[in-house]
Amino acid sequence: MAIRERRERERARRHKLIIDTARELAEREGWDAVTTRRLAESVEYSQPVLYSHFAGKDAIVRAVAIQGFGELAKALHAARSAQDDPTEALRAASMAYLDFAEKRPALYDAMFLQQLDIPFGTSETPQELRAGFDELLAALEPVAGDRDLDTLAEVFWSAIHGFATLMLGARLRPDLREARMNLLLDVFIAN
């Protein structure tokens, strides 16, 4: 049993190393620089070993994205739960979302812009994605009034995702970040 457990631990360590290395490389050079050959060289394992963990680059990016959603959920939860006032909790979660995208652009790209087979809004949705959406629901629930909470969260998420994407593409004036968020919150909080 000890040999099997050791092999499983080693496999889990290799799996994590591949994901972490892909993230680091993507943050430095973009996702186009992440190839299975380059990853295999970086982690010092053969390509067959890499393929024993992932079917290819898309599977690696998918794993990175799912990991990112878990991290985003934690960031939203920490920001939201640090505030007692519902409006401030929503503001804090929203700003945490933008901060997350700004500090980890390649990870955000993997989560939202790469073409991946990650199902959203279905029973097949990974827990990490549901946790992030649940944080948006929790932040919006106190201000939802009689509006449908899921729809409200989808529209709000679309708006802050749009902000994040436009911000990352340098399409918005950076000095108006807070003003945009205040306007958005005014619209969503007004019943």
Protein backbone atom coordinates (compact mmCIF):
# COMPACT_ATOMS: atom_id res chain seq x y z
CA MET A 1 0.00 0.00 0.00
CA ALA A 2 2.84 2.44 0.77
CA ILE A 3 4.32 2.12 -2.75
CA ARG A 4 0.93 2.83 -4.33
CA GLU A 5 0.36 5.84 -2.11
CA ARG A 6 3.83 7.16 -2.93
CA ARG A 7 3.15 6.76 -6.67
CA GLU A 8 -0.18 8.57 -6.31
CA ARG A 9 1.50 11.42 -4.41
CA GLU A 10 4.21 11.64 -7.08
CA ARG A 11 1.60 11.66 -9.83
CA ALA A 12 -0.36 14.43 -8.06
CA ARG A 13 2.87 16.42 -7.64
CA ARG A 14 3.69 16.08 -11.36
CA HIS A 15 0.13 17.05 -12.27
CA LYS A 16 0.35 20.21 -10.16
CA LEU A 17 3.81 21.01 -11.51
CA ILE A 18 2.52 20.87 -15.09
CA ILE A 19 -0.39 23.18 -14.29
CA ASP A 20 1.77 25.62 -12.34
CA THR A 21 4.41 25.70 -15.07
CA ALA A 22 1.79 26.30 -17.76
CA ARG A 23 0.39 29.20 -15.74
CA GLU A 24 3.82 30.74 -15.18
CA LEU A 25 4.76 30.42 -18.83
CA ALA A 26 1.43 31.88 -19.97
CA GLU A 27 1.73 34.84 -17.60
CA ARG A 28 5.25 35.55 -18.91
CA GLU A 29 4.75 34.92 -22.62
CA GLY A 30 1.07 34.30 -23.36
CA TRP A 31 -0.83 31.10 -24.15
CA ASP A 32 0.67 30.77 -27.61
CA ALA A 33 4.02 30.08 -25.91
CA VAL A 34 2.55 27.17 -23.97
CA THR A 35 3.15 24.02 -25.98
CA THR A 36 3.36 20.44 -24.79
CA ARG A 37 6.96 20.24 -25.99
CA ARG A 38 7.94 23.38 -24.10
CA LEU A 39 6.09 22.27 -20.98
CA ALA A 40 7.74 18.85 -21.07
CA GLU A 41 11.15 20.54 -21.27
CA SER A 42 10.29 22.99 -18.48
CA VAL A 43 9.08 20.34 -16.05
CA GLU A 44 11.87 17.98 -17.11
CA TYR A 45 9.60 15.10 -18.02
CA SER A 46 9.12 13.48 -21.39
CA GLN A 47 6.13 14.36 -23.52
CA PRO A 48 4.65 10.87 -22.96
CA VAL A 49 4.69 11.54 -19.21
CA LEU A 50 2.96 14.87 -19.81
CA TYR A 51 0.39 13.12 -22.01
CA SER A 52 -0.22 10.58 -19.27
CA HIS A 53 -1.64 13.50 -17.25
CA PHE A 54 -3.29 15.58 -19.98
CA ALA A 55 -4.56 14.75 -23.46
CA GLY A 56 -2.97 17.92 -24.83
CA LYS A 57 -2.67 21.65 -24.45
CA ASP A 58 -6.43 22.21 -24.32
CA ALA A 59 -6.71 19.84 -21.36
CA ILE A 60 -3.92 21.70 -19.58
CA VAL A 61 -5.55 25.09 -20.21
CA ARG A 62 -8.85 23.61 -18.99
CA ALA A 63 -7.20 22.46 -15.75
CA VAL A 64 -5.61 25.89 -15.32
CA ALA A 65 -8.97 27.57 -15.89
CA ILE A 66 -10.79 25.39 -13.37
CA GLN A 67 -8.06 26.07 -10.83
CA GLY A 68 -8.44 29.78 -11.57
CA PHE A 69 -12.17 29.67 -10.94
CA GLY A 70 -11.51 28.20 -7.52
CA GLU A 71 -9.08 31.01 -6.77
CA LEU A 72 -11.53 33.62 -8.02
CA ALA A 73 -14.28 32.19 -5.80
CA LYS A 74 -11.99 32.47 -2.77
CA ALA A 75 -11.07 36.07 -3.65
CA LEU A 76 -14.73 37.04 -4.07
CA HIS A 77 -15.67 35.35 -0.80
CA ALA A 78 -12.88 37.05 1.13
CA ALA A 79 -13.80 40.48 -0.24
CA ARG A 80 -17.54 40.03 0.23
CA SER A 81 -17.40 38.55 3.71
CA ALA A 82 -15.07 41.28 4.97
CA GLN A 83 -17.93 43.80 4.65
CA ASP A 84 -21.02 44.06 6.83
CA ASP A 85 -22.96 46.46 4.60
CA PRO A 86 -24.57 44.66 1.61
CA THR A 87 -23.73 47.48 -0.81
CA GLU A 88 -20.12 47.55 0.33
CA ALA A 89 -19.95 43.75 0.13
CA LEU A 90 -21.12 43.89 -3.50
CA ARG A 91 -18.65 46.69 -4.24
CA ALA A 92 -15.79 44.76 -2.60
CA ALA A 93 -16.59 41.56 -4.51
CA SER A 94 -16.82 43.51 -7.77
CA MET A 95 -13.49 45.22 -7.23
CA ALA A 96 -11.93 41.89 -6.22
CA TYR A 97 -13.13 40.48 -9.55
CA LEU A 98 -11.46 43.31 -11.47
CA ASP A 99 -8.29 43.04 -9.37
CA PHE A 100 -8.15 39.30 -10.05
CA ALA A 101 -8.36 39.86 -13.82
CA GLU A 102 -5.80 42.65 -13.74
CA LYS A 103 -3.24 40.76 -11.63
CA ARG A 104 -3.56 37.47 -13.55
CA PRO A 105 -4.33 38.33 -17.17
CA ALA A 106 -3.24 34.99 -18.64
CA LEU A 107 -5.22 33.06 -16.04
CA TYR A 108 -8.27 35.24 -16.73
CA ASP A 109 -7.73 34.59 -20.44
CA ALA A 110 -7.72 30.83 -19.81
CA MET A 111 -10.88 31.09 -17.72
CA PHE A 112 -12.94 33.21 -20.08
CA LEU A 113 -11.39 33.75 -23.48
CA GLN A 114 -9.78 30.47 -24.51
CA GLN A 115 -12.08 28.05 -26.32
CA LEU A 116 -12.51 25.24 -23.82
CA ASP A 117 -15.06 22.50 -23.23
CA ILE A 118 -15.99 23.70 -19.75
CA PRO A 119 -19.77 23.67 -19.29
CA PHE A 120 -21.30 26.72 -17.62
CA GLY A 121 -24.73 26.73 -16.01
CA THR A 122 -25.39 22.99 -16.26
CA SER A 123 -25.29 20.03 -13.92
CA GLU A 124 -21.88 19.25 -15.47
CA THR A 125 -20.40 22.58 -14.35
CA PRO A 126 -17.29 22.01 -12.19
CA GLN A 127 -17.67 22.92 -8.52
CA GLU A 128 -15.04 25.67 -8.80
CA LEU A 129 -17.15 27.53 -11.37
CA ARG A 130 -20.31 27.11 -9.32
CA ALA A 131 -18.50 28.45 -6.25
CA GLY A 132 -17.59 31.65 -8.08
CA PHE A 133 -21.13 32.16 -9.35
CA ASP A 134 -22.48 31.39 -5.87
CA GLU A 135 -20.33 34.24 -4.53
CA LEU A 136 -21.92 36.61 -7.02
CA LEU A 137 -25.34 35.35 -5.97
CA ALA A 138 -24.51 35.90 -2.31
CA ALA A 139 -23.27 39.43 -3.01
CA LEU A 140 -26.36 40.34 -5.05
CA GLU A 141 -29.04 38.64 -2.96
CA PRO A 142 -29.39 41.47 -0.39
CA VAL A 143 -29.99 44.02 -3.18
CA ALA A 144 -32.01 41.86 -5.58
CA GLY A 145 -35.45 42.81 -4.33
CA ASP A 146 -38.06 40.88 -6.29
CA ARG A 147 -35.82 40.41 -9.35
CA ASP A 148 -34.79 36.89 -10.38
CA LEU A 149 -31.48 36.40 -8.57
CA ASP A 150 -29.88 34.05 -11.12
CA THR A 151 -30.70 36.34 -14.03
CA LEU A 152 -29.55 39.39 -12.08
CA ALA A 153 -26.26 37.63 -11.31
CA GLU A 154 -25.76 36.66 -14.97
CA VAL A 155 -26.32 40.25 -16.11
CA PHE A 156 -24.09 41.66 -13.36
CA TRP A 157 -21.38 39.11 -14.13
CA SER A 158 -21.61 40.02 -17.81
CA ALA A 159 -21.10 43.68 -16.93
CA ILE A 160 -18.07 43.19 -14.69
CA HIS A 161 -16.63 40.65 -17.14
CA GLY A 162 -17.01 43.27 -19.85
CA PHE A 163 -15.22 45.80 -17.67
CA ALA A 164 -12.42 43.33 -17.00
CA THR A 165 -12.02 42.33 -20.65
CA LEU A 166 -12.04 45.90 -21.90
CA MET A 167 -9.66 46.93 -19.13
CA LEU A 168 -7.21 44.14 -20.01
CA GLY A 169 -7.37 45.19 -23.66
CA ALA A 170 -6.59 48.80 -22.67
CA ARG A 171 -9.94 49.87 -24.14
CA LEU A 172 -11.12 51.84 -21.09
CA ARG A 173 -9.74 54.92 -19.42
CA PRO A 174 -7.90 53.54 -16.36
CA ASP A 175 -8.54 56.59 -14.20
CA LEU A 176 -12.32 55.99 -14.33
CA ARG A 177 -12.32 52.43 -13.00
CA GLU A 178 -13.97 53.32 -9.70
CA ALA A 179 -16.44 55.73 -11.32
CA ARG A 180 -17.58 52.98 -13.73
CA MET A 181 -18.05 50.57 -10.85
CA ASN A 182 -20.02 53.15 -8.84
CA LEU A 183 -22.33 53.72 -11.81
CA LEU A 184 -22.81 50.00 -12.31
CA LEU A 185 -23.61 49.48 -8.64
CA ASP A 186 -26.08 52.36 -8.68
CA VAL A 187 -27.93 50.67 -11.54
CA PHE A 188 -27.99 47.23 -9.90
CA ILE A 189 -28.80 48.38 -6.40
CA ALA A 190 -31.69 50.63 -7.45
CA ASN A 191 -34.94 48.68 -7.16
